[in-house]
Amino acid sequence: MDADDRKIYVARENEEDYRLFSARTARGYLRTGLIQETDLAWCEGMTNWQPLARVLERVEGSALKTAPVTTLTPLPASSKVSASKLAETCFQLALSFQDAYTKVIRELQLSKLEDEEELDYGQIWVELVYLGCVVVDHAIEASLNDETQELVLKLYRSHLYRVKIEGIHSFRPIKTRLLLYGQETHSSRSEAANEHVGQKFAHFCGSKYNRRLIKIGATLFHNVYDHVTAKLHAMEIESAGKH
């Protein structure tokens, strides 16, 4: 088969379903910006999903021409539904903690110390939501294998970028939080890592050295991470039991 006619499956960041293009069409859409180099893609002969730019390079080169045919099929219906369901579940979990955040804010207000600096409770609310979403993101990375992890993360993040929550104008800062919190969340699962996350949380809240905020951030990281990873593990067990 001519390289231009090879079929490529592409999973867009903001779409749950993948699309099928010929390599020629994919290159054309890439030039016009309808799809992106970073979109995940797959074609026959590959063992996992990779960025579209890399897939096109493989199609145009000799790698796929000599590669043995594999039994992998592009996101079988069961796997695709599973990835979509995992992403939706994680998204719902990320939003389900808002009552707990409200309780945290109320307790902070009622237990304000006399010599404590004035806290911006609105900003603390926003940062609680952001941190919760970041921890869910980290739990996905830690709990899922590489084959499904990328797609679930893309779907989960696309949900976040579209959601609207009262008091939060945009979820775009999540990208910055993922980067800055990630330096701690990917290092280790330890009390020291929890403390460092708490310190960053307090900094984002505008009160870098406030011990109560540091403790809140550290506790949120620990509790949400454990809750989400346990949920994902339970879903895997339930899915395995059905097959």
C-alpha atoms as a PDB file:
ATOM      1  CA  MET A   1       0.000   0.000   0.000  1.00  0.00           C
ATOM      2  CA  ASP A   2       1.211   3.511  -0.851  1.00  0.00           C
ATOM      3  CA  ALA A   3       2.346   5.455   2.221  1.00  0.00           C
ATOM      4  CA  ASP A   4      -0.130   8.242   1.421  1.00  0.00           C
ATOM      5  CA  ASP A   5      -3.022   5.770   1.567  1.00  0.00           C
ATOM      6  CA  ARG A   6      -2.175   4.237   4.938  1.00  0.00           C
ATOM      7  CA  LYS A   7      -4.988   4.693   7.440  1.00  0.00           C
ATOM      8  CA  ILE A   8      -4.262   6.629  10.614  1.00  0.00           C
ATOM      9  CA  TYR A   9      -6.559   6.858  13.630  1.00  0.00           C
ATOM     10  CA  VAL A  10      -6.373  10.214  15.447  1.00  0.00           C
ATOM     11  CA  ALA A  11      -7.714  11.032  18.937  1.00  0.00           C
ATOM     12  CA  ARG A  12      -8.319  14.782  19.276  1.00  0.00           C
ATOM     13  CA  GLU A  13      -7.809  16.400  22.677  1.00  0.00           C
ATOM     14  CA  ASN A  14     -11.363  17.731  22.960  1.00  0.00           C
ATOM     15  CA  GLU A  15     -13.140  14.759  21.403  1.00  0.00           C
ATOM     16  CA  GLU A  16     -13.950  11.390  22.961  1.00  0.00           C
ATOM     17  CA  ASP A  17     -14.144   9.525  19.640  1.00  0.00           C
ATOM     18  CA  TYR A  18     -11.189   8.964  17.340  1.00  0.00           C
ATOM     19  CA  ARG A  19     -11.169   9.805  13.620  1.00  0.00           C
ATOM     20  CA  LEU A  20      -9.828   7.819  10.657  1.00  0.00           C
ATOM     21  CA  PHE A  21      -7.770   9.563   7.959  1.00  0.00           C
ATOM     22  CA  SER A  22      -5.427   8.563   5.176  1.00  0.00           C
ATOM     23  CA  ALA A  23      -1.863   9.757   5.751  1.00  0.00           C
ATOM     24  CA  ARG A  24      -2.321  12.231   2.876  1.00  0.00           C
ATOM     25  CA  THR A  25      -5.466  13.713   4.439  1.00  0.00           C
ATOM     26  CA  ALA A  26      -3.859  13.848   7.890  1.00  0.00           C
ATOM     27  CA  ARG A  27      -0.917  15.850   6.530  1.00  0.00           C
ATOM     28  CA  GLY A  28      -3.319  18.264   4.832  1.00  0.00           C
ATOM     29  CA  TYR A  29      -5.380  18.767   7.963  1.00  0.00           C
ATOM     30  CA  LEU A  30      -2.174  19.210   9.937  1.00  0.00           C
ATOM     31  CA  ARG A  31      -1.089  22.067   7.658  1.00  0.00           C
ATOM     32  CA  THR A  32      -4.433  23.810   8.080  1.00  0.00           C
ATOM     33  CA  GLY A  33      -4.502  23.360  11.847  1.00  0.00           C
ATOM     34  CA  LEU A  34      -7.589  21.117  11.954  1.00  0.00           C
ATOM     35  CA  ILE A  35      -5.514  18.528  13.793  1.00  0.00           C
ATOM     36  CA  GLN A  36      -2.306  18.951  15.785  1.00  0.00           C
ATOM     37  CA  GLU A  37       1.101  17.242  15.813  1.00  0.00           C
ATOM     38  CA  THR A  38       0.550  16.380  19.478  1.00  0.00           C
ATOM     39  CA  ASP A  39      -2.783  14.594  18.917  1.00  0.00           C
ATOM     40  CA  LEU A  40      -2.477  10.886  19.702  1.00  0.00           C
ATOM     41  CA  ALA A  41      -2.495   8.630  16.646  1.00  0.00           C
ATOM     42  CA  TRP A  42      -2.252   4.924  15.727  1.00  0.00           C
ATOM     43  CA  CYS A  43      -1.892   2.864  12.564  1.00  0.00           C
ATOM     44  CA  GLU A  44      -1.417  -0.810  11.724  1.00  0.00           C
ATOM     45  CA  GLY A  45       1.907  -2.229  12.866  1.00  0.00           C
ATOM     46  CA  MET A  46       2.206  -0.056  15.976  1.00  0.00           C
ATOM     47  CA  THR A  47       1.957  -1.357  19.526  1.00  0.00           C
ATOM     48  CA  ASN A  48       0.651   1.820  21.172  1.00  0.00           C
ATOM     49  CA  TRP A  49      -0.622   5.327  20.513  1.00  0.00           C
ATOM     50  CA  GLN A  50       1.942   8.059  19.760  1.00  0.00           C
ATOM     51  CA  PRO A  51       1.895  11.764  18.778  1.00  0.00           C
ATOM     52  CA  LEU A  52       0.643  12.261  15.225  1.00  0.00           C
ATOM     53  CA  ALA A  53       3.912  13.821  14.023  1.00  0.00           C
ATOM     54  CA  ARG A  54       5.813  10.677  15.014  1.00  0.00           C
ATOM     55  CA  VAL A  55       3.259   8.396  13.377  1.00  0.00           C
ATOM     56  CA  LEU A  56       3.481  10.302  10.090  1.00  0.00           C
ATOM     57  CA  GLU A  57       7.267  10.021  10.209  1.00  0.00           C
ATOM     58  CA  ARG A  58       6.969   6.261  10.622  1.00  0.00           C
ATOM     59  CA  VAL A  59       4.464   5.975   7.806  1.00  0.00           C
ATOM     60  CA  GLU A  60       6.671   7.981   5.444  1.00  0.00           C
ATOM     61  CA  GLY A  61       9.822   6.077   6.418  1.00  0.00           C
ATOM     62  CA  SER A  62      10.677   2.438   6.195  1.00  0.00           C
ATOM     63  CA  ALA A  63       9.902   1.429   9.751  1.00  0.00           C
ATOM     64  CA  LEU A  64       6.341   0.308   9.154  1.00  0.00           C
ATOM     65  CA  LYS A  65       7.143  -1.333   5.806  1.00  0.00           C
ATOM     66  CA  THR A  66       9.350  -3.884   7.503  1.00  0.00           C
ATOM     67  CA  ALA A  67       7.553  -4.158  10.798  1.00  0.00           C
ATOM     68  CA  PRO A  68       5.646  -7.400  11.480  1.00  0.00           C
ATOM     69  CA  VAL A  69       1.880  -7.148  11.561  1.00  0.00           C
ATOM     70  CA  THR A  70       0.650  -6.942  15.141  1.00  0.00           C
ATOM     71  CA  THR A  71      -2.659  -8.085  16.589  1.00  0.00           C
ATOM     72  CA  LEU A  72      -3.362  -4.682  18.133  1.00  0.00           C
ATOM     73  CA  THR A  73      -6.543  -3.004  16.917  1.00  0.00           C
ATOM     74  CA  PRO A  74      -7.072   0.724  17.305  1.00  0.00           C
ATOM     75  CA  LEU A  75      -8.942   1.356  20.520  1.00  0.00           C
ATOM     76  CA  PRO A  76     -11.375  -1.575  20.417  1.00  0.00           C
ATOM     77  CA  ALA A  77     -14.861  -0.563  21.472  1.00  0.00           C
ATOM     78  CA  SER A  78     -14.439  -2.054  24.955  1.00  0.00           C
ATOM     79  CA  SER A  79     -11.094  -0.294  25.533  1.00  0.00           C
ATOM     80  CA  LYS A  80     -12.318   2.989  24.114  1.00  0.00           C
ATOM     81  CA  VAL A  81     -15.412   2.926  26.306  1.00  0.00           C
ATOM     82  CA  SER A  82     -13.230   1.996  29.248  1.00  0.00           C
ATOM     83  CA  ALA A  83     -10.910   4.957  28.640  1.00  0.00           C
ATOM     84  CA  SER A  84     -13.871   7.292  28.250  1.00  0.00           C
ATOM     85  CA  LYS A  85     -15.510   5.918  31.368  1.00  0.00           C
ATOM     86  CA  LEU A  86     -12.308   6.234  33.392  1.00  0.00           C
ATOM     87  CA  ALA A  87     -11.866   9.846  32.294  1.00  0.00           C
ATOM     88  CA  GLU A  88     -15.502  10.718  33.055  1.00  0.00           C
ATOM     89  CA  THR A  89     -15.286   9.037  36.475  1.00  0.00           C
ATOM     90  CA  CYS A  90     -12.109  10.943  37.346  1.00  0.00           C
ATOM     91  CA  PHE A  91     -13.680  14.196  36.175  1.00  0.00           C
ATOM     92  CA  GLN A  92     -16.746  13.617  38.347  1.00  0.00           C
ATOM     93  CA  LEU A  93     -14.499  12.759  41.302  1.00  0.00           C
ATOM     94  CA  ALA A  94     -12.527  15.973  40.823  1.00  0.00           C
ATOM     95  CA  LEU A  95     -15.754  17.978  41.054  1.00  0.00           C
ATOM     96  CA  SER A  96     -17.286  15.938  43.876  1.00  0.00           C
ATOM     97  CA  PHE A  97     -15.041  17.374  46.587  1.00  0.00           C
ATOM     98  CA  GLN A  98     -16.544  20.875  46.472  1.00  0.00           C
ATOM     99  CA  ASP A  99     -18.670  20.348  49.605  1.00  0.00           C
ATOM    100  CA  ALA A 100     -15.511  19.336  51.459  1.00  0.00           C
ATOM    101  CA  TYR A 101     -13.753  22.477  50.216  1.00  0.00           C
ATOM    102  CA  THR A 102     -16.651  24.610  51.466  1.00  0.00           C
ATOM    103  CA  LYS A 103     -16.306  22.973  54.879  1.00  0.00           C
ATOM    104  CA  VAL A 104     -12.561  23.716  54.899  1.00  0.00           C
ATOM    105  CA  ILE A 105     -13.229  27.398  54.148  1.00  0.00           C
ATOM    106  CA  ARG A 106     -15.869  27.602  56.889  1.00  0.00           C
ATOM    107  CA  GLU A 107     -13.536  26.022  59.446  1.00  0.00           C
ATOM    108  CA  LEU A 108     -10.775  28.435  58.483  1.00  0.00           C
ATOM    109  CA  GLN A 109     -13.095  31.386  58.989  1.00  0.00           C
ATOM    110  CA  LEU A 110     -14.388  30.154  62.363  1.00  0.00           C
ATOM    111  CA  SER A 111     -10.956  29.311  63.751  1.00  0.00           C
ATOM    112  CA  LYS A 112      -9.103  32.423  62.599  1.00  0.00           C
ATOM    113  CA  LEU A 113      -6.175  33.227  64.891  1.00  0.00           C
ATOM    114  CA  GLU A 114      -5.857  36.703  66.365  1.00  0.00           C
ATOM    115  CA  ASP A 115      -2.377  37.358  64.995  1.00  0.00           C
ATOM    116  CA  GLU A 116      -2.981  35.573  61.686  1.00  0.00           C
ATOM    117  CA  GLU A 117      -2.654  37.556  58.477  1.00  0.00           C
ATOM    118  CA  GLU A 118      -5.838  38.244  56.543  1.00  0.00           C
ATOM    119  CA  LEU A 119      -6.637  35.312  54.266  1.00  0.00           C
ATOM    120  CA  ASP A 120      -8.185  35.558  50.814  1.00  0.00           C
ATOM    121  CA  TYR A 121     -10.873  32.899  51.166  1.00  0.00           C
ATOM    122  CA  GLY A 122     -11.993  33.278  47.562  1.00  0.00           C
ATOM    123  CA  GLN A 123      -8.483  32.487  46.340  1.00  0.00           C
ATOM    124  CA  ILE A 124      -8.187  29.597  48.781  1.00  0.00           C
ATOM    125  CA  TRP A 125     -11.423  28.137  47.355  1.00  0.00           C
ATOM    126  CA  VAL A 126     -10.059  28.385  43.819  1.00  0.00           C
ATOM    127  CA  GLU A 127      -6.755  26.778  44.822  1.00  0.00           C
ATOM    128  CA  LEU A 128      -8.538  23.934  46.611  1.00  0.00           C
ATOM    129  CA  VAL A 129     -10.400  23.123  43.395  1.00  0.00           C
ATOM    130  CA  TYR A 130      -7.217  23.421  41.321  1.00  0.00           C
ATOM    131  CA  LEU A 131      -5.192  21.216  43.660  1.00  0.00           C
ATOM    132  CA  GLY A 132      -7.928  18.578  43.756  1.00  0.00           C
ATOM    133  CA  CYS A 133      -7.943  18.437  39.955  1.00  0.00           C
ATOM    134  CA  VAL A 134      -4.145  18.191  39.864  1.00  0.00           C
ATOM    135  CA  VAL A 135      -4.134  15.326  42.375  1.00  0.00           C
ATOM    136  CA  VAL A 136      -6.710  13.419  40.312  1.00  0.00           C
ATOM    137  CA  ASP A 137      -4.466  13.942  37.272  1.00  0.00           C
ATOM    138  CA  HIS A 138      -1.504  12.566  39.219  1.00  0.00           C
ATOM    139  CA  ALA A 139      -3.553   9.579  40.405  1.00  0.00           C
ATOM    140  CA  ILE A 140      -4.392   8.729  36.781  1.00  0.00           C
ATOM    141  CA  GLU A 141      -0.694   8.780  35.881  1.00  0.00           C
ATOM    142  CA  ALA A 142       0.201   6.604  38.855  1.00  0.00           C
ATOM    143  CA  SER A 143      -2.630   4.085  38.476  1.00  0.00           C
ATOM    144  CA  LEU A 144      -2.952   3.382  34.743  1.00  0.00           C
ATOM    145  CA  ASN A 145      -0.517   1.688  32.383  1.00  0.00           C
ATOM    146  CA  ASP A 146       1.059   3.628  29.533  1.00  0.00           C
ATOM    147  CA  GLU A 147      -1.258   2.092  26.925  1.00  0.00           C
ATOM    148  CA  THR A 148      -4.393   3.789  28.302  1.00  0.00           C
ATOM    149  CA  GLN A 149      -2.906   6.515  30.474  1.00  0.00           C
ATOM    150  CA  GLU A 150      -2.308   9.102  27.737  1.00  0.00           C
ATOM    151  CA  LEU A 151      -5.794   8.882  26.286  1.00  0.00           C
ATOM    152  CA  VAL A 152      -7.493   9.001  29.694  1.00  0.00           C
ATOM    153  CA  LEU A 153      -5.420  12.052  30.648  1.00  0.00           C
ATOM    154  CA  LYS A 154      -6.303  13.823  27.391  1.00  0.00           C
ATOM    155  CA  LEU A 155     -10.010  13.148  27.877  1.00  0.00           C
ATOM    156  CA  TYR A 156      -9.926  14.095  31.568  1.00  0.00           C
ATOM    157  CA  ARG A 157      -8.123  17.371  30.879  1.00  0.00           C
ATOM    158  CA  SER A 158     -10.435  18.231  27.989  1.00  0.00           C
ATOM    159  CA  HIS A 159     -13.370  17.877  30.413  1.00  0.00           C
ATOM    160  CA  LEU A 160     -11.656  20.242  32.843  1.00  0.00           C
ATOM    161  CA  TYR A 161     -10.968  22.928  30.259  1.00  0.00           C
ATOM    162  CA  ARG A 162     -14.660  23.069  29.307  1.00  0.00           C
ATOM    163  CA  VAL A 163     -16.263  22.972  32.757  1.00  0.00           C
ATOM    164  CA  LYS A 164     -17.645  26.088  34.431  1.00  0.00           C
ATOM    165  CA  ILE A 165     -17.699  26.424  38.221  1.00  0.00           C
ATOM    166  CA  GLU A 166     -18.981  29.453  40.096  1.00  0.00           C
ATOM    167  CA  GLY A 167     -16.060  31.555  41.294  1.00  0.00           C
ATOM    168  CA  ILE A 168     -13.595  30.078  38.778  1.00  0.00           C
ATOM    169  CA  HIS A 169     -13.207  31.990  35.551  1.00  0.00           C
ATOM    170  CA  SER A 170     -10.923  29.509  33.799  1.00  0.00           C
ATOM    171  CA  PHE A 171      -9.294  26.138  34.288  1.00  0.00           C
ATOM    172  CA  ARG A 172      -6.360  27.092  32.060  1.00  0.00           C
ATOM    173  CA  PRO A 173      -4.127  27.764  35.123  1.00  0.00           C
ATOM    174  CA  ILE A 174      -4.381  24.008  35.727  1.00  0.00           C
ATOM    175  CA  LYS A 175      -1.568  23.614  33.167  1.00  0.00           C
ATOM    176  CA  THR A 176       0.737  25.738  35.318  1.00  0.00           C
ATOM    177  CA  ARG A 177      -0.348  23.955  38.489  1.00  0.00           C
ATOM    178  CA  LEU A 178       0.292  20.555  36.885  1.00  0.00           C
ATOM    179  CA  LEU A 179       3.840  21.617  36.094  1.00  0.00           C
ATOM    180  CA  LEU A 180       4.651  23.199  39.450  1.00  0.00           C
ATOM    181  CA  TYR A 181       2.930  20.652  41.669  1.00  0.00           C
ATOM    182  CA  GLY A 182       4.291  17.871  39.469  1.00  0.00           C
ATOM    183  CA  GLN A 183       7.806  18.535  40.679  1.00  0.00           C
ATOM    184  CA  GLU A 184       6.661  17.275  44.077  1.00  0.00           C
ATOM    185  CA  THR A 185       3.933  14.769  43.237  1.00  0.00           C
ATOM    186  CA  HIS A 186       6.216  12.762  40.942  1.00  0.00           C
ATOM    187  CA  SER A 187       9.152  12.635  43.334  1.00  0.00           C
ATOM    188  CA  SER A 188       7.798  10.242  45.961  1.00  0.00           C
ATOM    189  CA  ARG A 189       4.778   9.339  48.066  1.00  0.00           C
ATOM    190  CA  SER A 190       6.100  10.491  51.426  1.00  0.00           C
ATOM    191  CA  GLU A 191       5.331  12.886  54.253  1.00  0.00           C
ATOM    192  CA  ALA A 192       8.019  15.197  52.879  1.00  0.00           C
ATOM    193  CA  ALA A 193       6.336  15.228  49.445  1.00  0.00           C
ATOM    194  CA  ASN A 194       2.979  15.973  51.089  1.00  0.00           C
ATOM    195  CA  GLU A 195       4.571  18.843  52.987  1.00  0.00           C
ATOM    196  CA  HIS A 196       6.107  20.300  49.829  1.00  0.00           C
ATOM    197  CA  VAL A 197       2.741  20.160  48.076  1.00  0.00           C
ATOM    198  CA  GLY A 198       1.222  21.931  51.084  1.00  0.00           C
ATOM    199  CA  GLN A 199       3.860  24.656  50.877  1.00  0.00           C
ATOM    200  CA  LYS A 200       3.134  25.252  47.201  1.00  0.00           C
ATOM    201  CA  PHE A 201      -0.588  25.331  47.936  1.00  0.00           C
ATOM    202  CA  ALA A 202      -0.095  27.987  50.626  1.00  0.00           C
ATOM    203  CA  HIS A 203       2.051  29.983  48.212  1.00  0.00           C
ATOM    204  CA  PHE A 204      -0.663  29.913  45.523  1.00  0.00           C
ATOM    205  CA  CYS A 205      -3.177  31.014  48.185  1.00  0.00           C
ATOM    206  CA  GLY A 206      -1.061  34.108  48.859  1.00  0.00           C
ATOM    207  CA  SER A 207       0.075  33.087  52.370  1.00  0.00           C
ATOM    208  CA  LYS A 208       3.299  31.167  51.795  1.00  0.00           C
ATOM    209  CA  TYR A 209       4.171  30.498  55.437  1.00  0.00           C
ATOM    210  CA  ASN A 210       0.711  29.899  56.861  1.00  0.00           C
ATOM    211  CA  ARG A 211       0.971  26.560  58.652  1.00  0.00           C
ATOM    212  CA  ARG A 212      -2.763  25.904  58.520  1.00  0.00           C
ATOM    213  CA  LEU A 213      -2.819  26.285  54.734  1.00  0.00           C
ATOM    214  CA  ILE A 214       0.262  24.103  54.374  1.00  0.00           C
ATOM    215  CA  LYS A 215      -1.447  21.376  56.419  1.00  0.00           C
ATOM    216  CA  ILE A 216      -4.659  21.706  54.384  1.00  0.00           C
ATOM    217  CA  GLY A 217      -2.755  21.323  51.105  1.00  0.00           C
ATOM    218  CA  ALA A 218      -0.761  18.346  52.354  1.00  0.00           C
ATOM    219  CA  THR A 219      -3.864  16.610  53.732  1.00  0.00           C
ATOM    220  CA  LEU A 220      -5.874  17.227  50.557  1.00  0.00           C
ATOM    221  CA  PHE A 221      -3.095  15.759  48.412  1.00  0.00           C
ATOM    222  CA  HIS A 222      -2.867  12.641  50.570  1.00  0.00           C
ATOM    223  CA  ASN A 223      -6.621  12.013  50.940  1.00  0.00           C
ATOM    224  CA  VAL A 224      -7.693  12.735  47.358  1.00  0.00           C
ATOM    225  CA  TYR A 225      -4.827  10.691  45.906  1.00  0.00           C
ATOM    226  CA  ASP A 226      -5.699   7.668  48.041  1.00  0.00           C
ATOM    227  CA  HIS A 227      -9.420   8.008  47.261  1.00  0.00           C
ATOM    228  CA  VAL A 228      -8.975   8.259  43.486  1.00  0.00           C
ATOM    229  CA  THR A 229      -6.377   5.501  43.168  1.00  0.00           C
ATOM    230  CA  ALA A 230      -8.609   3.201  45.215  1.00  0.00           C
ATOM    231  CA  LYS A 231     -11.553   4.011  42.937  1.00  0.00           C
ATOM    232  CA  LEU A 232      -9.543   3.332  39.775  1.00  0.00           C
ATOM    233  CA  HIS A 233      -8.259   0.064  41.226  1.00  0.00           C
ATOM    234  CA  ALA A 234     -11.816  -0.998  42.092  1.00  0.00           C
ATOM    235  CA  MET A 235     -12.968  -0.221  38.545  1.00  0.00           C
ATOM    236  CA  GLU A 236     -10.152  -2.364  37.113  1.00  0.00           C
ATOM    237  CA  ILE A 237     -11.124  -5.286  39.368  1.00  0.00           C
ATOM    238  CA  GLU A 238     -14.797  -4.924  38.433  1.00  0.00           C
ATOM    239  CA  SER A 239     -13.937  -4.776  34.733  1.00  0.00           C
ATOM    240  CA  ALA A 240     -11.699  -7.874  34.973  1.00  0.00           C
ATOM    241  CA  GLY A 241     -14.484  -9.759  36.707  1.00  0.00           C
ATOM    242  CA  LYS A 242     -16.835  -9.193  33.771  1.00  0.00           C
ATOM    243  CA  HIS A 243     -14.481 -10.762  31.170  1.00  0.00           C
END
